[in-house]
Each structure stands twice: as structure tokens, then as C-alpha cells.
Amino acid sequence: CWPESRRARDRCYAEVRASHDRHNP
């Protein structure tokens, strides 16, 4: 459960950071 929860959080964090990437359309 804990690793699964962390993976879900980390994927979401990556999506948020990607939304601010200067190369993002």
C-alpha cells in the first residue's frame, strides 16, 4: 500500500512539473 501510494503521488508530481516545462506545448 505505501509504495503504491507513493508511486501514484510521484506520477502526479511528475505531471505537475511537466505542465510547467518550457518545452511543453
PDBML (XML) file of the C-alpha atoms, coordinates in Angstrom:
<?xml version="1.0" encoding="UTF-8" ?>
<PDBx:datablock datablockName="MODEL"
   xmlns:PDBx="http://pdbml.pdb.org/schema/pdbx-v50.xsd"
   xmlns:xsi="http://www.w3.org/2001/XMLSchema-instance"
   xsi:schemaLocation="http://pdbml.pdb.org/schema/pdbx-v50.xsd pdbx-v50.xsd">
   <PDBx:atom_siteCategory>
      <PDBx:atom_site id="1">
         <PDBx:B_iso_or_equiv>0.00</PDBx:B_iso_or_equiv>
         <PDBx:Cartn_x>0.000</PDBx:Cartn_x>
         <PDBx:Cartn_y>0.000</PDBx:Cartn_y>
         <PDBx:Cartn_z>0.000</PDBx:Cartn_z>
         <PDBx:auth_asym_id>A</PDBx:auth_asym_id>
         <PDBx:auth_atom_id>CA</PDBx:auth_atom_id>
         <PDBx:auth_comp_id>CYS</PDBx:auth_comp_id>
         <PDBx:auth_seq_id>1</PDBx:auth_seq_id>
         <PDBx:group_PDB>ATOM</PDBx:group_PDB>
         <PDBx:label_alt_id xsi:nil="true" />
         <PDBx:label_asym_id>A</PDBx:label_asym_id>
         <PDBx:label_atom_id>CA</PDBx:label_atom_id>
         <PDBx:label_comp_id>CYS</PDBx:label_comp_id>
         <PDBx:label_entity_id>1</PDBx:label_entity_id>
         <PDBx:label_seq_id>1</PDBx:label_seq_id>
         <PDBx:occupancy>1.00</PDBx:occupancy>
         <PDBx:pdbx_PDB_model_num>1</PDBx:pdbx_PDB_model_num>
         <PDBx:type_symbol>C</PDBx:type_symbol>
      </PDBx:atom_site>
      <PDBx:atom_site id="2">
         <PDBx:B_iso_or_equiv>0.00</PDBx:B_iso_or_equiv>
         <PDBx:Cartn_x>2.631</PDBx:Cartn_x>
         <PDBx:Cartn_y>2.578</PDBx:Cartn_y>
         <PDBx:Cartn_z>0.945</PDBx:Cartn_z>
         <PDBx:auth_asym_id>A</PDBx:auth_asym_id>
         <PDBx:auth_atom_id>CA</PDBx:auth_atom_id>
         <PDBx:auth_comp_id>TRP</PDBx:auth_comp_id>
         <PDBx:auth_seq_id>2</PDBx:auth_seq_id>
         <PDBx:group_PDB>ATOM</PDBx:group_PDB>
         <PDBx:label_alt_id xsi:nil="true" />
         <PDBx:label_asym_id>A</PDBx:label_asym_id>
         <PDBx:label_atom_id>CA</PDBx:label_atom_id>
         <PDBx:label_comp_id>TRP</PDBx:label_comp_id>
         <PDBx:label_entity_id>1</PDBx:label_entity_id>
         <PDBx:label_seq_id>2</PDBx:label_seq_id>
         <PDBx:occupancy>1.00</PDBx:occupancy>
         <PDBx:pdbx_PDB_model_num>1</PDBx:pdbx_PDB_model_num>
         <PDBx:type_symbol>C</PDBx:type_symbol>
      </PDBx:atom_site>
      <PDBx:atom_site id="3">
         <PDBx:B_iso_or_equiv>0.00</PDBx:B_iso_or_equiv>
         <PDBx:Cartn_x>4.815</PDBx:Cartn_x>
         <PDBx:Cartn_y>2.035</PDBx:Cartn_y>
         <PDBx:Cartn_z>-2.141</PDBx:Cartn_z>
         <PDBx:auth_asym_id>A</PDBx:auth_asym_id>
         <PDBx:auth_atom_id>CA</PDBx:auth_atom_id>
         <PDBx:auth_comp_id>PRO</PDBx:auth_comp_id>
         <PDBx:auth_seq_id>3</PDBx:auth_seq_id>
         <PDBx:group_PDB>ATOM</PDBx:group_PDB>
         <PDBx:label_alt_id xsi:nil="true" />
         <PDBx:label_asym_id>A</PDBx:label_asym_id>
         <PDBx:label_atom_id>CA</PDBx:label_atom_id>
         <PDBx:label_comp_id>PRO</PDBx:label_comp_id>
         <PDBx:label_entity_id>1</PDBx:label_entity_id>
         <PDBx:label_seq_id>3</PDBx:label_seq_id>
         <PDBx:occupancy>1.00</PDBx:occupancy>
         <PDBx:pdbx_PDB_model_num>1</PDBx:pdbx_PDB_model_num>
         <PDBx:type_symbol>C</PDBx:type_symbol>
      </PDBx:atom_site>
      <PDBx:atom_site id="4">
         <PDBx:B_iso_or_equiv>0.00</PDBx:B_iso_or_equiv>
         <PDBx:Cartn_x>1.716</PDBx:Cartn_x>
         <PDBx:Cartn_y>2.030</PDBx:Cartn_y>
         <PDBx:Cartn_z>-4.363</PDBx:Cartn_z>
         <PDBx:auth_asym_id>A</PDBx:auth_asym_id>
         <PDBx:auth_atom_id>CA</PDBx:auth_atom_id>
         <PDBx:auth_comp_id>GLU</PDBx:auth_comp_id>
         <PDBx:auth_seq_id>4</PDBx:auth_seq_id>
         <PDBx:group_PDB>ATOM</PDBx:group_PDB>
         <PDBx:label_alt_id xsi:nil="true" />
         <PDBx:label_asym_id>A</PDBx:label_asym_id>
         <PDBx:label_atom_id>CA</PDBx:label_atom_id>
         <PDBx:label_comp_id>GLU</PDBx:label_comp_id>
         <PDBx:label_entity_id>1</PDBx:label_entity_id>
         <PDBx:label_seq_id>4</PDBx:label_seq_id>
         <PDBx:occupancy>1.00</PDBx:occupancy>
         <PDBx:pdbx_PDB_model_num>1</PDBx:pdbx_PDB_model_num>
         <PDBx:type_symbol>C</PDBx:type_symbol>
      </PDBx:atom_site>
      <PDBx:atom_site id="5">
         <PDBx:B_iso_or_equiv>0.00</PDBx:B_iso_or_equiv>
         <PDBx:Cartn_x>0.544</PDBx:Cartn_x>
         <PDBx:Cartn_y>5.305</PDBx:Cartn_y>
         <PDBx:Cartn_z>-2.823</PDBx:Cartn_z>
         <PDBx:auth_asym_id>A</PDBx:auth_asym_id>
         <PDBx:auth_atom_id>CA</PDBx:auth_atom_id>
         <PDBx:auth_comp_id>SER</PDBx:auth_comp_id>
         <PDBx:auth_seq_id>5</PDBx:auth_seq_id>
         <PDBx:group_PDB>ATOM</PDBx:group_PDB>
         <PDBx:label_alt_id xsi:nil="true" />
         <PDBx:label_asym_id>A</PDBx:label_asym_id>
         <PDBx:label_atom_id>CA</PDBx:label_atom_id>
         <PDBx:label_comp_id>SER</PDBx:label_comp_id>
         <PDBx:label_entity_id>1</PDBx:label_entity_id>
         <PDBx:label_seq_id>5</PDBx:label_seq_id>
         <PDBx:occupancy>1.00</PDBx:occupancy>
         <PDBx:pdbx_PDB_model_num>1</PDBx:pdbx_PDB_model_num>
         <PDBx:type_symbol>C</PDBx:type_symbol>
      </PDBx:atom_site>
      <PDBx:atom_site id="6">
         <PDBx:B_iso_or_equiv>0.00</PDBx:B_iso_or_equiv>
         <PDBx:Cartn_x>3.996</PDBx:Cartn_x>
         <PDBx:Cartn_y>6.873</PDBx:Cartn_y>
         <PDBx:Cartn_z>-3.259</PDBx:Cartn_z>
         <PDBx:auth_asym_id>A</PDBx:auth_asym_id>
         <PDBx:auth_atom_id>CA</PDBx:auth_atom_id>
         <PDBx:auth_comp_id>ARG</PDBx:auth_comp_id>
         <PDBx:auth_seq_id>6</PDBx:auth_seq_id>
         <PDBx:group_PDB>ATOM</PDBx:group_PDB>
         <PDBx:label_alt_id xsi:nil="true" />
         <PDBx:label_asym_id>A</PDBx:label_asym_id>
         <PDBx:label_atom_id>CA</PDBx:label_atom_id>
         <PDBx:label_comp_id>ARG</PDBx:label_comp_id>
         <PDBx:label_entity_id>1</PDBx:label_entity_id>
         <PDBx:label_seq_id>6</PDBx:label_seq_id>
         <PDBx:occupancy>1.00</PDBx:occupancy>
         <PDBx:pdbx_PDB_model_num>1</PDBx:pdbx_PDB_model_num>
         <PDBx:type_symbol>C</PDBx:type_symbol>
      </PDBx:atom_site>
      <PDBx:atom_site id="7">
         <PDBx:B_iso_or_equiv>0.00</PDBx:B_iso_or_equiv>
         <PDBx:Cartn_x>4.140</PDBx:Cartn_x>
         <PDBx:Cartn_y>5.789</PDBx:Cartn_y>
         <PDBx:Cartn_z>-6.918</PDBx:Cartn_z>
         <PDBx:auth_asym_id>A</PDBx:auth_asym_id>
         <PDBx:auth_atom_id>CA</PDBx:auth_atom_id>
         <PDBx:auth_comp_id>ARG</PDBx:auth_comp_id>
         <PDBx:auth_seq_id>7</PDBx:auth_seq_id>
         <PDBx:group_PDB>ATOM</PDBx:group_PDB>
         <PDBx:label_alt_id xsi:nil="true" />
         <PDBx:label_asym_id>A</PDBx:label_asym_id>
         <PDBx:label_atom_id>CA</PDBx:label_atom_id>
         <PDBx:label_comp_id>ARG</PDBx:label_comp_id>
         <PDBx:label_entity_id>1</PDBx:label_entity_id>
         <PDBx:label_seq_id>7</PDBx:label_seq_id>
         <PDBx:occupancy>1.00</PDBx:occupancy>
         <PDBx:pdbx_PDB_model_num>1</PDBx:pdbx_PDB_model_num>
         <PDBx:type_symbol>C</PDBx:type_symbol>
      </PDBx:atom_site>
      <PDBx:atom_site id="8">
         <PDBx:B_iso_or_equiv>0.00</PDBx:B_iso_or_equiv>
         <PDBx:Cartn_x>0.738</PDBx:Cartn_x>
         <PDBx:Cartn_y>7.395</PDBx:Cartn_y>
         <PDBx:Cartn_z>-7.574</PDBx:Cartn_z>
         <PDBx:auth_asym_id>A</PDBx:auth_asym_id>
         <PDBx:auth_atom_id>CA</PDBx:auth_atom_id>
         <PDBx:auth_comp_id>ALA</PDBx:auth_comp_id>
         <PDBx:auth_seq_id>8</PDBx:auth_seq_id>
         <PDBx:group_PDB>ATOM</PDBx:group_PDB>
         <PDBx:label_alt_id xsi:nil="true" />
         <PDBx:label_asym_id>A</PDBx:label_asym_id>
         <PDBx:label_atom_id>CA</PDBx:label_atom_id>
         <PDBx:label_comp_id>ALA</PDBx:label_comp_id>
         <PDBx:label_entity_id>1</PDBx:label_entity_id>
         <PDBx:label_seq_id>8</PDBx:label_seq_id>
         <PDBx:occupancy>1.00</PDBx:occupancy>
         <PDBx:pdbx_PDB_model_num>1</PDBx:pdbx_PDB_model_num>
         <PDBx:type_symbol>C</PDBx:type_symbol>
      </PDBx:atom_site>
      <PDBx:atom_site id="9">
         <PDBx:B_iso_or_equiv>0.00</PDBx:B_iso_or_equiv>
         <PDBx:Cartn_x>1.897</PDBx:Cartn_x>
         <PDBx:Cartn_y>10.593</PDBx:Cartn_y>
         <PDBx:Cartn_z>-5.850</PDBx:Cartn_z>
         <PDBx:auth_asym_id>A</PDBx:auth_asym_id>
         <PDBx:auth_atom_id>CA</PDBx:auth_atom_id>
         <PDBx:auth_comp_id>ARG</PDBx:auth_comp_id>
         <PDBx:auth_seq_id>9</PDBx:auth_seq_id>
         <PDBx:group_PDB>ATOM</PDBx:group_PDB>
         <PDBx:label_alt_id xsi:nil="true" />
         <PDBx:label_asym_id>A</PDBx:label_asym_id>
         <PDBx:label_atom_id>CA</PDBx:label_atom_id>
         <PDBx:label_comp_id>ARG</PDBx:label_comp_id>
         <PDBx:label_entity_id>1</PDBx:label_entity_id>
         <PDBx:label_seq_id>9</PDBx:label_seq_id>
         <PDBx:occupancy>1.00</PDBx:occupancy>
         <PDBx:pdbx_PDB_model_num>1</PDBx:pdbx_PDB_model_num>
         <PDBx:type_symbol>C</PDBx:type_symbol>
      </PDBx:atom_site>
      <PDBx:atom_site id="10">
         <PDBx:B_iso_or_equiv>0.00</PDBx:B_iso_or_equiv>
         <PDBx:Cartn_x>5.215</PDBx:Cartn_x>
         <PDBx:Cartn_y>10.660</PDBx:Cartn_y>
         <PDBx:Cartn_z>-7.721</PDBx:Cartn_z>
         <PDBx:auth_asym_id>A</PDBx:auth_asym_id>
         <PDBx:auth_atom_id>CA</PDBx:auth_atom_id>
         <PDBx:auth_comp_id>ASP</PDBx:auth_comp_id>
         <PDBx:auth_seq_id>10</PDBx:auth_seq_id>
         <PDBx:group_PDB>ATOM</PDBx:group_PDB>
         <PDBx:label_alt_id xsi:nil="true" />
         <PDBx:label_asym_id>A</PDBx:label_asym_id>
         <PDBx:label_atom_id>CA</PDBx:label_atom_id>
         <PDBx:label_comp_id>ASP</PDBx:label_comp_id>
         <PDBx:label_entity_id>1</PDBx:label_entity_id>
         <PDBx:label_seq_id>10</PDBx:label_seq_id>
         <PDBx:occupancy>1.00</PDBx:occupancy>
         <PDBx:pdbx_PDB_model_num>1</PDBx:pdbx_PDB_model_num>
         <PDBx:type_symbol>C</PDBx:type_symbol>
      </PDBx:atom_site>
      <PDBx:atom_site id="11">
         <PDBx:B_iso_or_equiv>0.00</PDBx:B_iso_or_equiv>
         <PDBx:Cartn_x>3.482</PDBx:Cartn_x>
         <PDBx:Cartn_y>10.166</PDBx:Cartn_y>
         <PDBx:Cartn_z>-11.100</PDBx:Cartn_z>
         <PDBx:auth_asym_id>A</PDBx:auth_asym_id>
         <PDBx:auth_atom_id>CA</PDBx:auth_atom_id>
         <PDBx:auth_comp_id>ARG</PDBx:auth_comp_id>
         <PDBx:auth_seq_id>11</PDBx:auth_seq_id>
         <PDBx:group_PDB>ATOM</PDBx:group_PDB>
         <PDBx:label_alt_id xsi:nil="true" />
         <PDBx:label_asym_id>A</PDBx:label_asym_id>
         <PDBx:label_atom_id>CA</PDBx:label_atom_id>
         <PDBx:label_comp_id>ARG</PDBx:label_comp_id>
         <PDBx:label_entity_id>1</PDBx:label_entity_id>
         <PDBx:label_seq_id>11</PDBx:label_seq_id>
         <PDBx:occupancy>1.00</PDBx:occupancy>
         <PDBx:pdbx_PDB_model_num>1</PDBx:pdbx_PDB_model_num>
         <PDBx:type_symbol>C</PDBx:type_symbol>
      </PDBx:atom_site>
      <PDBx:atom_site id="12">
         <PDBx:B_iso_or_equiv>0.00</PDBx:B_iso_or_equiv>
         <PDBx:Cartn_x>1.147</PDBx:Cartn_x>
         <PDBx:Cartn_y>13.049</PDBx:Cartn_y>
         <PDBx:Cartn_z>-10.283</PDBx:Cartn_z>
         <PDBx:auth_asym_id>A</PDBx:auth_asym_id>
         <PDBx:auth_atom_id>CA</PDBx:auth_atom_id>
         <PDBx:auth_comp_id>CYS</PDBx:auth_comp_id>
         <PDBx:auth_seq_id>12</PDBx:auth_seq_id>
         <PDBx:group_PDB>ATOM</PDBx:group_PDB>
         <PDBx:label_alt_id xsi:nil="true" />
         <PDBx:label_asym_id>A</PDBx:label_asym_id>
         <PDBx:label_atom_id>CA</PDBx:label_atom_id>
         <PDBx:label_comp_id>CYS</PDBx:label_comp_id>
         <PDBx:label_entity_id>1</PDBx:label_entity_id>
         <PDBx:label_seq_id>12</PDBx:label_seq_id>
         <PDBx:occupancy>1.00</PDBx:occupancy>
         <PDBx:pdbx_PDB_model_num>1</PDBx:pdbx_PDB_model_num>
         <PDBx:type_symbol>C</PDBx:type_symbol>
      </PDBx:atom_site>
      <PDBx:atom_site id="13">
         <PDBx:B_iso_or_equiv>0.00</PDBx:B_iso_or_equiv>
         <PDBx:Cartn_x>4.085</PDBx:Cartn_x>
         <PDBx:Cartn_y>15.239</PDBx:Cartn_y>
         <PDBx:Cartn_z>-9.191</PDBx:Cartn_z>
         <PDBx:auth_asym_id>A</PDBx:auth_asym_id>
         <PDBx:auth_atom_id>CA</PDBx:auth_atom_id>
         <PDBx:auth_comp_id>TYR</PDBx:auth_comp_id>
         <PDBx:auth_seq_id>13</PDBx:auth_seq_id>
         <PDBx:group_PDB>ATOM</PDBx:group_PDB>
         <PDBx:label_alt_id xsi:nil="true" />
         <PDBx:label_asym_id>A</PDBx:label_asym_id>
         <PDBx:label_atom_id>CA</PDBx:label_atom_id>
         <PDBx:label_comp_id>TYR</PDBx:label_comp_id>
         <PDBx:label_entity_id>1</PDBx:label_entity_id>
         <PDBx:label_seq_id>13</PDBx:label_seq_id>
         <PDBx:occupancy>1.00</PDBx:occupancy>
         <PDBx:pdbx_PDB_model_num>1</PDBx:pdbx_PDB_model_num>
         <PDBx:type_symbol>C</PDBx:type_symbol>
      </PDBx:atom_site>
      <PDBx:atom_site id="14">
         <PDBx:B_iso_or_equiv>0.00</PDBx:B_iso_or_equiv>
         <PDBx:Cartn_x>5.838</PDBx:Cartn_x>
         <PDBx:Cartn_y>14.492</PDBx:Cartn_y>
         <PDBx:Cartn_z>-12.487</PDBx:Cartn_z>
         <PDBx:auth_asym_id>A</PDBx:auth_asym_id>
         <PDBx:auth_atom_id>CA</PDBx:auth_atom_id>
         <PDBx:auth_comp_id>ALA</PDBx:auth_comp_id>
         <PDBx:auth_seq_id>14</PDBx:auth_seq_id>
         <PDBx:group_PDB>ATOM</PDBx:group_PDB>
         <PDBx:label_alt_id xsi:nil="true" />
         <PDBx:label_asym_id>A</PDBx:label_asym_id>
         <PDBx:label_atom_id>CA</PDBx:label_atom_id>
         <PDBx:label_comp_id>ALA</PDBx:label_comp_id>
         <PDBx:label_entity_id>1</PDBx:label_entity_id>
         <PDBx:label_seq_id>14</PDBx:label_seq_id>
         <PDBx:occupancy>1.00</PDBx:occupancy>
         <PDBx:pdbx_PDB_model_num>1</PDBx:pdbx_PDB_model_num>
         <PDBx:type_symbol>C</PDBx:type_symbol>
      </PDBx:atom_site>
      <PDBx:atom_site id="15">
         <PDBx:B_iso_or_equiv>0.00</PDBx:B_iso_or_equiv>
         <PDBx:Cartn_x>2.709</PDBx:Cartn_x>
         <PDBx:Cartn_y>15.534</PDBx:Cartn_y>
         <PDBx:Cartn_z>-14.413</PDBx:Cartn_z>
         <PDBx:auth_asym_id>A</PDBx:auth_asym_id>
         <PDBx:auth_atom_id>CA</PDBx:auth_atom_id>
         <PDBx:auth_comp_id>GLU</PDBx:auth_comp_id>
         <PDBx:auth_seq_id>15</PDBx:auth_seq_id>
         <PDBx:group_PDB>ATOM</PDBx:group_PDB>
         <PDBx:label_alt_id xsi:nil="true" />
         <PDBx:label_asym_id>A</PDBx:label_asym_id>
         <PDBx:label_atom_id>CA</PDBx:label_atom_id>
         <PDBx:label_comp_id>GLU</PDBx:label_comp_id>
         <PDBx:label_entity_id>1</PDBx:label_entity_id>
         <PDBx:label_seq_id>15</PDBx:label_seq_id>
         <PDBx:occupancy>1.00</PDBx:occupancy>
         <PDBx:pdbx_PDB_model_num>1</PDBx:pdbx_PDB_model_num>
         <PDBx:type_symbol>C</PDBx:type_symbol>
      </PDBx:atom_site>
      <PDBx:atom_site id="16">
         <PDBx:B_iso_or_equiv>0.00</PDBx:B_iso_or_equiv>
         <PDBx:Cartn_x>2.506</PDBx:Cartn_x>
         <PDBx:Cartn_y>18.819</PDBx:Cartn_y>
         <PDBx:Cartn_z>-12.492</PDBx:Cartn_z>
         <PDBx:auth_asym_id>A</PDBx:auth_asym_id>
         <PDBx:auth_atom_id>CA</PDBx:auth_atom_id>
         <PDBx:auth_comp_id>VAL</PDBx:auth_comp_id>
         <PDBx:auth_seq_id>16</PDBx:auth_seq_id>
         <PDBx:group_PDB>ATOM</PDBx:group_PDB>
         <PDBx:label_alt_id xsi:nil="true" />
         <PDBx:label_asym_id>A</PDBx:label_asym_id>
         <PDBx:label_atom_id>CA</PDBx:label_atom_id>
         <PDBx:label_comp_id>VAL</PDBx:label_comp_id>
         <PDBx:label_entity_id>1</PDBx:label_entity_id>
         <PDBx:label_seq_id>16</PDBx:label_seq_id>
         <PDBx:occupancy>1.00</PDBx:occupancy>
         <PDBx:pdbx_PDB_model_num>1</PDBx:pdbx_PDB_model_num>
         <PDBx:type_symbol>C</PDBx:type_symbol>
      </PDBx:atom_site>
      <PDBx:atom_site id="17">
         <PDBx:B_iso_or_equiv>0.00</PDBx:B_iso_or_equiv>
         <PDBx:Cartn_x>6.188</PDBx:Cartn_x>
         <PDBx:Cartn_y>19.565</PDBx:Cartn_y>
         <PDBx:Cartn_z>-13.142</PDBx:Cartn_z>
         <PDBx:auth_asym_id>A</PDBx:auth_asym_id>
         <PDBx:auth_atom_id>CA</PDBx:auth_atom_id>
         <PDBx:auth_comp_id>ARG</PDBx:auth_comp_id>
         <PDBx:auth_seq_id>17</PDBx:auth_seq_id>
         <PDBx:group_PDB>ATOM</PDBx:group_PDB>
         <PDBx:label_alt_id xsi:nil="true" />
         <PDBx:label_asym_id>A</PDBx:label_asym_id>
         <PDBx:label_atom_id>CA</PDBx:label_atom_id>
         <PDBx:label_comp_id>ARG</PDBx:label_comp_id>
         <PDBx:label_entity_id>1</PDBx:label_entity_id>
         <PDBx:label_seq_id>17</PDBx:label_seq_id>
         <PDBx:occupancy>1.00</PDBx:occupancy>
         <PDBx:pdbx_PDB_model_num>1</PDBx:pdbx_PDB_model_num>
         <PDBx:type_symbol>C</PDBx:type_symbol>
      </PDBx:atom_site>
      <PDBx:atom_site id="18">
         <PDBx:B_iso_or_equiv>0.00</PDBx:B_iso_or_equiv>
         <PDBx:Cartn_x>5.795</PDBx:Cartn_x>
         <PDBx:Cartn_y>18.633</PDBx:Cartn_y>
         <PDBx:Cartn_z>-16.822</PDBx:Cartn_z>
         <PDBx:auth_asym_id>A</PDBx:auth_asym_id>
         <PDBx:auth_atom_id>CA</PDBx:auth_atom_id>
         <PDBx:auth_comp_id>ALA</PDBx:auth_comp_id>
         <PDBx:auth_seq_id>18</PDBx:auth_seq_id>
         <PDBx:group_PDB>ATOM</PDBx:group_PDB>
         <PDBx:label_alt_id xsi:nil="true" />
         <PDBx:label_asym_id>A</PDBx:label_asym_id>
         <PDBx:label_atom_id>CA</PDBx:label_atom_id>
         <PDBx:label_comp_id>ALA</PDBx:label_comp_id>
         <PDBx:label_entity_id>1</PDBx:label_entity_id>
         <PDBx:label_seq_id>18</PDBx:label_seq_id>
         <PDBx:occupancy>1.00</PDBx:occupancy>
         <PDBx:pdbx_PDB_model_num>1</PDBx:pdbx_PDB_model_num>
         <PDBx:type_symbol>C</PDBx:type_symbol>
      </PDBx:atom_site>
      <PDBx:atom_site id="19">
         <PDBx:B_iso_or_equiv>0.00</PDBx:B_iso_or_equiv>
         <PDBx:Cartn_x>2.922</PDBx:Cartn_x>
         <PDBx:Cartn_y>21.090</PDBx:Cartn_y>
         <PDBx:Cartn_z>-17.138</PDBx:Cartn_z>
         <PDBx:auth_asym_id>A</PDBx:auth_asym_id>
         <PDBx:auth_atom_id>CA</PDBx:auth_atom_id>
         <PDBx:auth_comp_id>SER</PDBx:auth_comp_id>
         <PDBx:auth_seq_id>19</PDBx:auth_seq_id>
         <PDBx:group_PDB>ATOM</PDBx:group_PDB>
         <PDBx:label_alt_id xsi:nil="true" />
         <PDBx:label_asym_id>A</PDBx:label_asym_id>
         <PDBx:label_atom_id>CA</PDBx:label_atom_id>
         <PDBx:label_comp_id>SER</PDBx:label_comp_id>
         <PDBx:label_entity_id>1</PDBx:label_entity_id>
         <PDBx:label_seq_id>19</PDBx:label_seq_id>
         <PDBx:occupancy>1.00</PDBx:occupancy>
         <PDBx:pdbx_PDB_model_num>1</PDBx:pdbx_PDB_model_num>
         <PDBx:type_symbol>C</PDBx:type_symbol>
      </PDBx:atom_site>
      <PDBx:atom_site id="20">
         <PDBx:B_iso_or_equiv>0.00</PDBx:B_iso_or_equiv>
         <PDBx:Cartn_x>5.436</PDBx:Cartn_x>
         <PDBx:Cartn_y>23.867</PDBx:Cartn_y>
         <PDBx:Cartn_z>-16.315</PDBx:Cartn_z>
         <PDBx:auth_asym_id>A</PDBx:auth_asym_id>
         <PDBx:auth_atom_id>CA</PDBx:auth_atom_id>
         <PDBx:auth_comp_id>HIS</PDBx:auth_comp_id>
         <PDBx:auth_seq_id>20</PDBx:auth_seq_id>
         <PDBx:group_PDB>ATOM</PDBx:group_PDB>
         <PDBx:label_alt_id xsi:nil="true" />
         <PDBx:label_asym_id>A</PDBx:label_asym_id>
         <PDBx:label_atom_id>CA</PDBx:label_atom_id>
         <PDBx:label_comp_id>HIS</PDBx:label_comp_id>
         <PDBx:label_entity_id>1</PDBx:label_entity_id>
         <PDBx:label_seq_id>20</PDBx:label_seq_id>
         <PDBx:occupancy>1.00</PDBx:occupancy>
         <PDBx:pdbx_PDB_model_num>1</PDBx:pdbx_PDB_model_num>
         <PDBx:type_symbol>C</PDBx:type_symbol>
      </PDBx:atom_site>
      <PDBx:atom_site id="21">
         <PDBx:B_iso_or_equiv>0.00</PDBx:B_iso_or_equiv>
         <PDBx:Cartn_x>8.173</PDBx:Cartn_x>
         <PDBx:Cartn_y>22.603</PDBx:Cartn_y>
         <PDBx:Cartn_z>-18.624</PDBx:Cartn_z>
         <PDBx:auth_asym_id>A</PDBx:auth_asym_id>
         <PDBx:auth_atom_id>CA</PDBx:auth_atom_id>
         <PDBx:auth_comp_id>ASP</PDBx:auth_comp_id>
         <PDBx:auth_seq_id>21</PDBx:auth_seq_id>
         <PDBx:group_PDB>ATOM</PDBx:group_PDB>
         <PDBx:label_alt_id xsi:nil="true" />
         <PDBx:label_asym_id>A</PDBx:label_asym_id>
         <PDBx:label_atom_id>CA</PDBx:label_atom_id>
         <PDBx:label_comp_id>ASP</PDBx:label_comp_id>
         <PDBx:label_entity_id>1</PDBx:label_entity_id>
         <PDBx:label_seq_id>21</PDBx:label_seq_id>
         <PDBx:occupancy>1.00</PDBx:occupancy>
         <PDBx:pdbx_PDB_model_num>1</PDBx:pdbx_PDB_model_num>
         <PDBx:type_symbol>C</PDBx:type_symbol>
      </PDBx:atom_site>
      <PDBx:atom_site id="22">
         <PDBx:B_iso_or_equiv>0.00</PDBx:B_iso_or_equiv>
         <PDBx:Cartn_x>9.284</PDBx:Cartn_x>
         <PDBx:Cartn_y>25.323</PDBx:Cartn_y>
         <PDBx:Cartn_z>-21.007</PDBx:Cartn_z>
         <PDBx:auth_asym_id>A</PDBx:auth_asym_id>
         <PDBx:auth_atom_id>CA</PDBx:auth_atom_id>
         <PDBx:auth_comp_id>ARG</PDBx:auth_comp_id>
         <PDBx:auth_seq_id>22</PDBx:auth_seq_id>
         <PDBx:group_PDB>ATOM</PDBx:group_PDB>
         <PDBx:label_alt_id xsi:nil="true" />
         <PDBx:label_asym_id>A</PDBx:label_asym_id>
         <PDBx:label_atom_id>CA</PDBx:label_atom_id>
         <PDBx:label_comp_id>ARG</PDBx:label_comp_id>
         <PDBx:label_entity_id>1</PDBx:label_entity_id>
         <PDBx:label_seq_id>22</PDBx:label_seq_id>
         <PDBx:occupancy>1.00</PDBx:occupancy>
         <PDBx:pdbx_PDB_model_num>1</PDBx:pdbx_PDB_model_num>
         <PDBx:type_symbol>C</PDBx:type_symbol>
      </PDBx:atom_site>
      <PDBx:atom_site id="23">
         <PDBx:B_iso_or_equiv>0.00</PDBx:B_iso_or_equiv>
         <PDBx:Cartn_x>9.103</PDBx:Cartn_x>
         <PDBx:Cartn_y>22.830</PDBx:Cartn_y>
         <PDBx:Cartn_z>-23.908</PDBx:Cartn_z>
         <PDBx:auth_asym_id>A</PDBx:auth_asym_id>
         <PDBx:auth_atom_id>CA</PDBx:auth_atom_id>
         <PDBx:auth_comp_id>HIS</PDBx:auth_comp_id>
         <PDBx:auth_seq_id>23</PDBx:auth_seq_id>
         <PDBx:group_PDB>ATOM</PDBx:group_PDB>
         <PDBx:label_alt_id xsi:nil="true" />
         <PDBx:label_asym_id>A</PDBx:label_asym_id>
         <PDBx:label_atom_id>CA</PDBx:label_atom_id>
         <PDBx:label_comp_id>HIS</PDBx:label_comp_id>
         <PDBx:label_entity_id>1</PDBx:label_entity_id>
         <PDBx:label_seq_id>23</PDBx:label_seq_id>
         <PDBx:occupancy>1.00</PDBx:occupancy>
         <PDBx:pdbx_PDB_model_num>1</PDBx:pdbx_PDB_model_num>
         <PDBx:type_symbol>C</PDBx:type_symbol>
      </PDBx:atom_site>
      <PDBx:atom_site id="24">
         <PDBx:B_iso_or_equiv>0.00</PDBx:B_iso_or_equiv>
         <PDBx:Cartn_x>5.516</PDBx:Cartn_x>
         <PDBx:Cartn_y>21.873</PDBx:Cartn_y>
         <PDBx:Cartn_z>-23.071</PDBx:Cartn_z>
         <PDBx:auth_asym_id>A</PDBx:auth_asym_id>
         <PDBx:auth_atom_id>CA</PDBx:auth_atom_id>
         <PDBx:auth_comp_id>ASN</PDBx:auth_comp_id>
         <PDBx:auth_seq_id>24</PDBx:auth_seq_id>
         <PDBx:group_PDB>ATOM</PDBx:group_PDB>
         <PDBx:label_alt_id xsi:nil="true" />
         <PDBx:label_asym_id>A</PDBx:label_asym_id>
         <PDBx:label_atom_id>CA</PDBx:label_atom_id>
         <PDBx:label_comp_id>ASN</PDBx:label_comp_id>
         <PDBx:label_entity_id>1</PDBx:label_entity_id>
         <PDBx:label_seq_id>24</PDBx:label_seq_id>
         <PDBx:occupancy>1.00</PDBx:occupancy>
         <PDBx:pdbx_PDB_model_num>1</PDBx:pdbx_PDB_model_num>
         <PDBx:type_symbol>C</PDBx:type_symbol>
      </PDBx:atom_site>
      <PDBx:atom_site id="25">
         <PDBx:B_iso_or_equiv>0.00</PDBx:B_iso_or_equiv>
         <PDBx:Cartn_x>3.228</PDBx:Cartn_x>
         <PDBx:Cartn_y>22.994</PDBx:Cartn_y>
         <PDBx:Cartn_z>-25.940</PDBx:Cartn_z>
         <PDBx:auth_asym_id>A</PDBx:auth_asym_id>
         <PDBx:auth_atom_id>CA</PDBx:auth_atom_id>
         <PDBx:auth_comp_id>PRO</PDBx:auth_comp_id>
         <PDBx:auth_seq_id>25</PDBx:auth_seq_id>
         <PDBx:group_PDB>ATOM</PDBx:group_PDB>
         <PDBx:label_alt_id xsi:nil="true" />
         <PDBx:label_asym_id>A</PDBx:label_asym_id>
         <PDBx:label_atom_id>CA</PDBx:label_atom_id>
         <PDBx:label_comp_id>PRO</PDBx:label_comp_id>
         <PDBx:label_entity_id>1</PDBx:label_entity_id>
         <PDBx:label_seq_id>25</PDBx:label_seq_id>
         <PDBx:occupancy>1.00</PDBx:occupancy>
         <PDBx:pdbx_PDB_model_num>1</PDBx:pdbx_PDB_model_num>
         <PDBx:type_symbol>C</PDBx:type_symbol>
      </PDBx:atom_site>
   </PDBx:atom_siteCategory>
</PDBx:datablock>
